[in-house]
Amino acid sequence: MVGLSVAIGRFIEALFWAILRVAGTVATAVFAGALVLVVAAVLIRRWRRKRRGGR
């Protein structure tokens, strides 16, 4: 019975770490995507200002 309890505990622990790892990966991807969008918006604004004559 103790062996089963240890196995279940290890399974839960592995599941917990897997969930945290996926959450970290998703958070990193979302952050990187947001950063790319912000940089693209800034570059597009600068490019449009240059084309309009520097206003």
PDB file of N, CA and C in Angstrom:
ATOM      1  N   MET A   1       0.826  -1.199   0.000  1.00  0.00           N
ATOM      2  CA  MET A   1       0.000   0.000   0.000  1.00  0.00           C
ATOM      3  C   MET A   1       0.872   1.267   0.000  1.00  0.00           C
ATOM      4  N   VAL A   2       1.988   1.186   0.733  1.00  0.00           N
ATOM      5  CA  VAL A   2       2.885   2.336   0.789  1.00  0.00           C
ATOM      6  C   VAL A   2       3.481   2.600  -0.588  1.00  0.00           C
ATOM      7  N   GLY A   3       3.835   1.540  -1.295  1.00  0.00           N
ATOM      8  CA  GLY A   3       4.399   1.699  -2.639  1.00  0.00           C
ATOM      9  C   GLY A   3       3.425   2.388  -3.577  1.00  0.00           C
ATOM     10  N   LEU A   4       2.145   2.058  -3.476  1.00  0.00           N
ATOM     11  CA  LEU A   4       1.129   2.694  -4.302  1.00  0.00           C
ATOM     12  C   LEU A   4       1.016   4.180  -3.953  1.00  0.00           C
ATOM     13  N   SER A   5       1.078   4.487  -2.671  1.00  0.00           N
ATOM     14  CA  SER A   5       0.991   5.873  -2.223  1.00  0.00           C
ATOM     15  C   SER A   5       2.173   6.690  -2.758  1.00  0.00           C
ATOM     16  N   VAL A   6       3.369   6.099  -2.710  1.00  0.00           N
ATOM     17  CA  VAL A   6       4.556   6.774  -3.236  1.00  0.00           C
ATOM     18  C   VAL A   6       4.424   6.973  -4.737  1.00  0.00           C
ATOM     19  N   ALA A   7       3.932   5.974  -5.439  1.00  0.00           N
ATOM     20  CA  ALA A   7       3.764   6.080  -6.895  1.00  0.00           C
ATOM     21  C   ALA A   7       2.775   7.181  -7.252  1.00  0.00           C
ATOM     22  N   ILE A   8       1.675   7.247  -6.516  1.00  0.00           N
ATOM     23  CA  ILE A   8       0.682   8.289  -6.778  1.00  0.00           C
ATOM     24  C   ILE A   8       1.278   9.666  -6.480  1.00  0.00           C
ATOM     25  N   GLY A   9       2.020   9.760  -5.383  1.00  0.00           N
ATOM     26  CA  GLY A   9       2.663  11.026  -5.029  1.00  0.00           C
ATOM     27  C   GLY A   9       3.646  11.487  -6.093  1.00  0.00           C
ATOM     28  N   ARG A  10       4.426  10.552  -6.596  1.00  0.00           N
ATOM     29  CA  ARG A  10       5.393  10.909  -7.651  1.00  0.00           C
ATOM     30  C   ARG A  10       4.691  11.298  -8.942  1.00  0.00           C
ATOM     31  N   PHE A  11       3.591  10.622  -9.243  1.00  0.00           N
ATOM     32  CA  PHE A  11       2.820  10.976 -10.434  1.00  0.00           C
ATOM     33  C   PHE A  11       2.265  12.394 -10.316  1.00  0.00           C
ATOM     34  N   ILE A  12       1.697  12.706  -9.152  1.00  0.00           N
ATOM     35  CA  ILE A  12       1.145  14.049  -8.929  1.00  0.00           C
ATOM     36  C   ILE A  12       2.250  15.101  -9.026  1.00  0.00           C
ATOM     37  N   GLU A  13       3.410  14.791  -8.449  1.00  0.00           N
ATOM     38  CA  GLU A  13       4.530  15.726  -8.507  1.00  0.00           C
ATOM     39  C   GLU A  13       4.984  15.946  -9.958  1.00  0.00           C
ATOM     40  N   ALA A  14       5.106  14.875 -10.726  1.00  0.00           N
ATOM     41  CA  ALA A  14       5.514  14.985 -12.127  1.00  0.00           C
ATOM     42  C   ALA A  14       4.484  15.787 -12.921  1.00  0.00           C
ATOM     43  N   LEU A  15       3.212  15.541 -12.646  1.00  0.00           N
ATOM     44  CA  LEU A  15       2.143  16.276 -13.319  1.00  0.00           C
ATOM     45  C   LEU A  15       2.220  17.764 -12.985  1.00  0.00           C
ATOM     46  N   PHE A  16       2.459  18.069 -11.722  1.00  0.00           N
ATOM     47  CA  PHE A  16       2.591  19.455 -11.267  1.00  0.00           C
ATOM     48  C   PHE A  16       3.728  20.163 -11.995  1.00  0.00           C
ATOM     49  N   TRP A  17       4.894  19.509 -12.045  1.00  0.00           N
ATOM     50  CA  TRP A  17       6.035  20.131 -12.718  1.00  0.00           C
ATOM     51  C   TRP A  17       5.805  20.269 -14.213  1.00  0.00           C
ATOM     52  N   ALA A  18       5.123  19.302 -14.807  1.00  0.00           N
ATOM     53  CA  ALA A  18       4.817  19.393 -16.240  1.00  0.00           C
ATOM     54  C   ALA A  18       3.883  20.565 -16.517  1.00  0.00           C
ATOM     55  N   ILE A  19       2.894  20.755 -15.660  1.00  0.00           N
ATOM     56  CA  ILE A  19       1.965  21.874 -15.822  1.00  0.00           C
ATOM     57  C   ILE A  19       2.718  23.196 -15.689  1.00  0.00           C
ATOM     58  N   LEU A  20       3.609  23.292 -14.692  1.00  0.00           N
ATOM     59  CA  LEU A  20       4.385  24.519 -14.518  1.00  0.00           C
ATOM     60  C   LEU A  20       5.285  24.783 -15.717  1.00  0.00           C
ATOM     61  N   ARG A  21       5.862  23.722 -16.257  1.00  0.00           N
ATOM     62  CA  ARG A  21       6.746  23.886 -17.412  1.00  0.00           C
ATOM     63  C   ARG A  21       5.976  24.395 -18.629  1.00  0.00           C
ATOM     64  N   VAL A  22       4.808  23.835 -18.879  1.00  0.00           N
ATOM     65  CA  VAL A  22       3.980  24.273 -19.995  1.00  0.00           C
ATOM     66  C   VAL A  22       3.517  25.710 -19.771  1.00  0.00           C
ATOM     67  N   ALA A  23       3.121  26.026 -18.540  1.00  0.00           N
ATOM     68  CA  ALA A  23       2.678  27.394 -18.236  1.00  0.00           C
ATOM     69  C   ALA A  23       3.822  28.385 -18.460  1.00  0.00           C
ATOM     70  N   GLY A  24       5.019  28.015 -18.081  1.00  0.00           N
ATOM     71  CA  GLY A  24       6.170  28.884 -18.302  1.00  0.00           C
ATOM     72  C   GLY A  24       6.457  29.082 -19.783  1.00  0.00           C
ATOM     73  N   THR A  25       6.337  28.028 -20.535  1.00  0.00           N
ATOM     74  CA  THR A  25       6.563  28.113 -21.977  1.00  0.00           C
ATOM     75  C   THR A  25       5.514  29.006 -22.632  1.00  0.00           C
ATOM     76  N   VAL A  26       4.263  28.820 -22.245  1.00  0.00           N
ATOM     77  CA  VAL A  26       3.183  29.635 -22.805  1.00  0.00           C
ATOM     78  C   VAL A  26       3.369  31.100 -22.415  1.00  0.00           C
ATOM     79  N   ALA A  27       3.714  31.358 -21.163  1.00  0.00           N
ATOM     80  CA  ALA A  27       3.921  32.734 -20.708  1.00  0.00           C
ATOM     81  C   ALA A  27       5.073  33.386 -21.482  1.00  0.00           C
ATOM     82  N   THR A  28       6.127  32.640 -21.708  1.00  0.00           N
ATOM     83  CA  THR A  28       7.264  33.168 -22.466  1.00  0.00           C
ATOM     84  C   THR A  28       6.857  33.481 -23.907  1.00  0.00           C
ATOM     85  N   ALA A  29       6.090  32.594 -24.512  1.00  0.00           N
ATOM     86  CA  ALA A  29       5.643  32.816 -25.890  1.00  0.00           C
ATOM     87  C   ALA A  29       4.728  34.038 -25.981  1.00  0.00           C
ATOM     88  N   VAL A  30       3.831  34.179 -25.023  1.00  0.00           N
ATOM     89  CA  VAL A  30       2.923  35.333 -25.019  1.00  0.00           C
ATOM     90  C   VAL A  30       3.717  36.626 -24.834  1.00  0.00           C
ATOM     91  N   PHE A  31       4.666  36.623 -23.908  1.00  0.00           N
ATOM     92  CA  PHE A  31       5.489  37.807 -23.661  1.00  0.00           C
ATOM     93  C   PHE A  31       6.302  38.168 -24.908  1.00  0.00           C
ATOM     94  N   ALA A  32       6.895  37.172 -25.538  1.00  0.00           N
ATOM     95  CA  ALA A  32       7.690  37.420 -26.742  1.00  0.00           C
ATOM     96  C   ALA A  32       6.804  37.946 -27.870  1.00  0.00           C
ATOM     97  N   GLY A  33       5.622  37.394 -28.016  1.00  0.00           N
ATOM     98  CA  GLY A  33       4.695  37.867 -29.043  1.00  0.00           C
ATOM     99  C   GLY A  33       4.279  39.308 -28.811  1.00  0.00           C
ATOM    100  N   ALA A  34       3.996  39.650 -27.557  1.00  0.00           N
ATOM    101  CA  ALA A  34       3.624  41.023 -27.226  1.00  0.00           C
ATOM    102  C   ALA A  34       4.787  41.972 -27.508  1.00  0.00           C
ATOM    103  N   LEU A  35       5.988  41.539 -27.175  1.00  0.00           N
ATOM    104  CA  LEU A  35       7.170  42.367 -27.422  1.00  0.00           C
ATOM    105  C   LEU A  35       7.365  42.613 -28.920  1.00  0.00           C
ATOM    106  N   VAL A  36       7.172  41.580 -29.715  1.00  0.00           N
ATOM    107  CA  VAL A  36       7.296  41.719 -31.172  1.00  0.00           C
ATOM    108  C   VAL A  36       6.244  42.695 -31.703  1.00  0.00           C
ATOM    109  N   LEU A  37       5.011  42.612 -31.195  1.00  0.00           N
ATOM    110  CA  LEU A  37       3.962  43.528 -31.641  1.00  0.00           C
ATOM    111  C   LEU A  37       4.282  44.976 -31.275  1.00  0.00           C
ATOM    112  N   VAL A  38       4.802  45.197 -30.079  1.00  0.00           N
ATOM    113  CA  VAL A  38       5.149  46.555 -29.659  1.00  0.00           C
ATOM    114  C   VAL A  38       6.274  47.112 -30.527  1.00  0.00           C
ATOM    115  N   VAL A  39       7.299  46.317 -30.760  1.00  0.00           N
ATOM    116  CA  VAL A  39       8.416  46.774 -31.593  1.00  0.00           C
ATOM    117  C   VAL A  39       7.929  47.045 -33.016  1.00  0.00           C
ATOM    118  N   ALA A  40       7.078  46.187 -33.545  1.00  0.00           N
ATOM    119  CA  ALA A  40       6.547  46.397 -34.891  1.00  0.00           C
ATOM    120  C   ALA A  40       5.717  47.681 -34.957  1.00  0.00           C
ATOM    121  N   ALA A  41       4.902  47.944 -33.935  1.00  0.00           N
ATOM    122  CA  ALA A  41       4.087  49.158 -33.921  1.00  0.00           C
ATOM    123  C   ALA A  41       4.975  50.399 -33.894  1.00  0.00           C
ATOM    124  N   VAL A  42       6.027  50.375 -33.094  1.00  0.00           N
ATOM    125  CA  VAL A  42       6.942  51.523 -33.019  1.00  0.00           C
ATOM    126  C   VAL A  42       7.635  51.732 -34.357  1.00  0.00           C
ATOM    127  N   LEU A  43       8.103  50.659 -34.961  1.00  0.00           N
ATOM    128  CA  LEU A  43       8.788  50.788 -36.252  1.00  0.00           C
ATOM    129  C   LEU A  43       7.850  51.283 -37.349  1.00  0.00           C
ATOM    130  N   ILE A  44       6.621  50.813 -37.362  1.00  0.00           N
ATOM    131  CA  ILE A  44       5.642  51.261 -38.362  1.00  0.00           C
ATOM    132  C   ILE A  44       5.341  52.741 -38.177  1.00  0.00           C
ATOM    133  N   ARG A  45       5.200  53.185 -36.922  1.00  0.00           N
ATOM    134  CA  ARG A  45       4.959  54.606 -36.676  1.00  0.00           C
ATOM    135  C   ARG A  45       6.112  55.458 -37.194  1.00  0.00           C
ATOM    136  N   ARG A  46       7.333  55.049 -36.910  1.00  0.00           N
ATOM    137  CA  ARG A  46       8.500  55.809 -37.372  1.00  0.00           C
ATOM    138  C   ARG A  46       8.564  55.837 -38.897  1.00  0.00           C
ATOM    139  N   TRP A  47       8.270  54.689 -39.509  1.00  0.00           N
ATOM    140  CA  TRP A  47       8.313  54.591 -40.961  1.00  0.00           C
ATOM    141  C   TRP A  47       7.270  55.501 -41.593  1.00  0.00           C
ATOM    142  N   ARG A  48       6.069  55.554 -41.014  1.00  0.00           N
ATOM    143  CA  ARG A  48       5.000  56.418 -41.549  1.00  0.00           C
ATOM    144  C   ARG A  48       5.366  57.881 -41.381  1.00  0.00           C
ATOM    145  N   ARG A  49       5.965  58.248 -40.262  1.00  0.00           N
ATOM    146  CA  ARG A  49       6.368  59.642 -40.048  1.00  0.00           C
ATOM    147  C   ARG A  49       7.417  60.061 -41.078  1.00  0.00           C
ATOM    148  N   LYS A  50       8.356  59.168 -41.370  1.00  0.00           N
ATOM    149  CA  LYS A  50       9.392  59.489 -42.348  1.00  0.00           C
ATOM    150  C   LYS A  50       8.780  59.725 -43.731  1.00  0.00           C
ATOM    151  N   ARG A  51       7.809  58.909 -44.089  1.00  0.00           N
ATOM    152  CA  ARG A  51       7.188  59.017 -45.429  1.00  0.00           C
ATOM    153  C   ARG A  51       6.349  60.289 -45.562  1.00  0.00           C
ATOM    154  N   ARG A  52       5.773  60.770 -44.448  1.00  0.00           N
ATOM    155  CA  ARG A  52       4.892  61.957 -44.511  1.00  0.00           C
ATOM    156  C   ARG A  52       5.686  63.260 -44.477  1.00  0.00           C
ATOM    157  N   GLY A  53       6.958  63.189 -44.262  1.00  0.00           N
ATOM    158  CA  GLY A  53       7.745  64.404 -44.284  1.00  0.00           C
ATOM    159  C   GLY A  53       8.217  64.844 -42.914  1.00  0.00           C
ATOM    160  N   GLY A  54       8.257  63.968 -41.980  1.00  0.00           N
ATOM    161  CA  GLY A  54       8.858  64.265 -40.690  1.00  0.00           C
ATOM    162  C   GLY A  54       7.976  64.998 -39.690  1.00  0.00           C
ATOM    163  N   ARG A  55       6.643  64.933 -39.872  1.00  0.00           N
ATOM    164  CA  ARG A  55       5.764  65.598 -38.907  1.00  0.00           C
ATOM    165  C   ARG A  55       5.700  64.880 -37.618  1.00  0.00           C
TER     166      ARG A  55
END
